[in-house]
Amino acid sequence: MENWKEDLKEYFGEHCVFNAPMSSYTTYRAGGAAEAFVLPKSDEDWSFLARLAELEKVPFRVLGAGSNILVSDGGLDGITASTQRMDELSVSGDTVKAGGGLLLDKVVEAAANAGLGGIEKLSGIPGTVGGAVYMNAGAFGQETFDALEYFEVMDADGHDYIIQKSDVKYAYRKVEGLEDLIILSAGFKLVKKDAAELLETRKNILSKRVASQPLEYPSAGSVFKRPEGDFASRLIDAAGLRGLSVGGAKVSEKHAGFIVNFNNATSGDIYKLMGEVQKRVKEKFGRDLELEQILWGKF
């Protein structure tokens, strides 16, 4: 065993697994194995990982809920670190602070119950707080950065610090300058509202998701970013691609913006279908569909 693997196992013990199938940790339920999969909890854990990866020149990735990622069938070299144990949550006055690995929906639910508004339309988003901050996740006209006040990060040298929202450039599904940072936690500044009203909004949003999205199959949500002045799902549908399949992957009949794993799809199936959709939409409408999802590994 390589020295860095021995160091990992000694430090993390049962929270370090080798050759972990990424199909178990991503919502597509596809992908090969991670060479080393670890579950850090404390800032010290993350600092150890960042410094080890830097010192040993080992590839290092941070995984949230795996709800916006396609891992290649060949798997992942190096260290894949899951944030799922970073799940702390606190509510104080009109501020909510949450760990980077906590599901965003848990934060939304806690805020609504506390009568704090500003993120209620983010109900049902399947990602973590860290992932939501990283890509400025949003839905139904509301975005993560609308209510975000600050977030805590760690750099590649293992140093942690606070970034204020006002110090970064962000836009639709995009935040600049976070590529080499680990998002440890985030603070949201919310507005006092009637809890019953917020919970009703949340209930309606969740109902809309069930009615309009193919939640019965593994997927990773919207595959493509919204093109300017249009919707990816409308273009895909208008190109006659609803139900198009490659292997065990297909464009959802329920929502054309989703690709679903309906029959033990490989990541290769999903990737080929993404490319086919992009090609046919380009041929028919001259529009380029940009991937919203992130590709990990070799394709």
Foldseek 3Di string as FASTA:
>chain_A
DDPLLVVVCVVQPVQKDAFQQCLVQALQSAAGGERIEGEDADLVSVLVVLQSCVVVVWDEEEDASNLQEQYANVYHTGYYYYDQNQFDWDDDDQKIKGWQRHFVLVVLLVCLQVQWDQCLLVHPQGTGNNQQVAFQDDDPPGTPLRFWAKWWKAASNSDIDIDGSVNWDHDHRHTPDCPGIGTTMTMGRTDGHHSVVSVVSNVVSVVVCVQQDPPVFRWNPFFFDQPPPGGLQVLLVVLVQDQPFFVQWGQHVRTNRIIGRRDPDHSVRVVVVVVVSQVSSCVPPVDGTHTSGYYHDDD
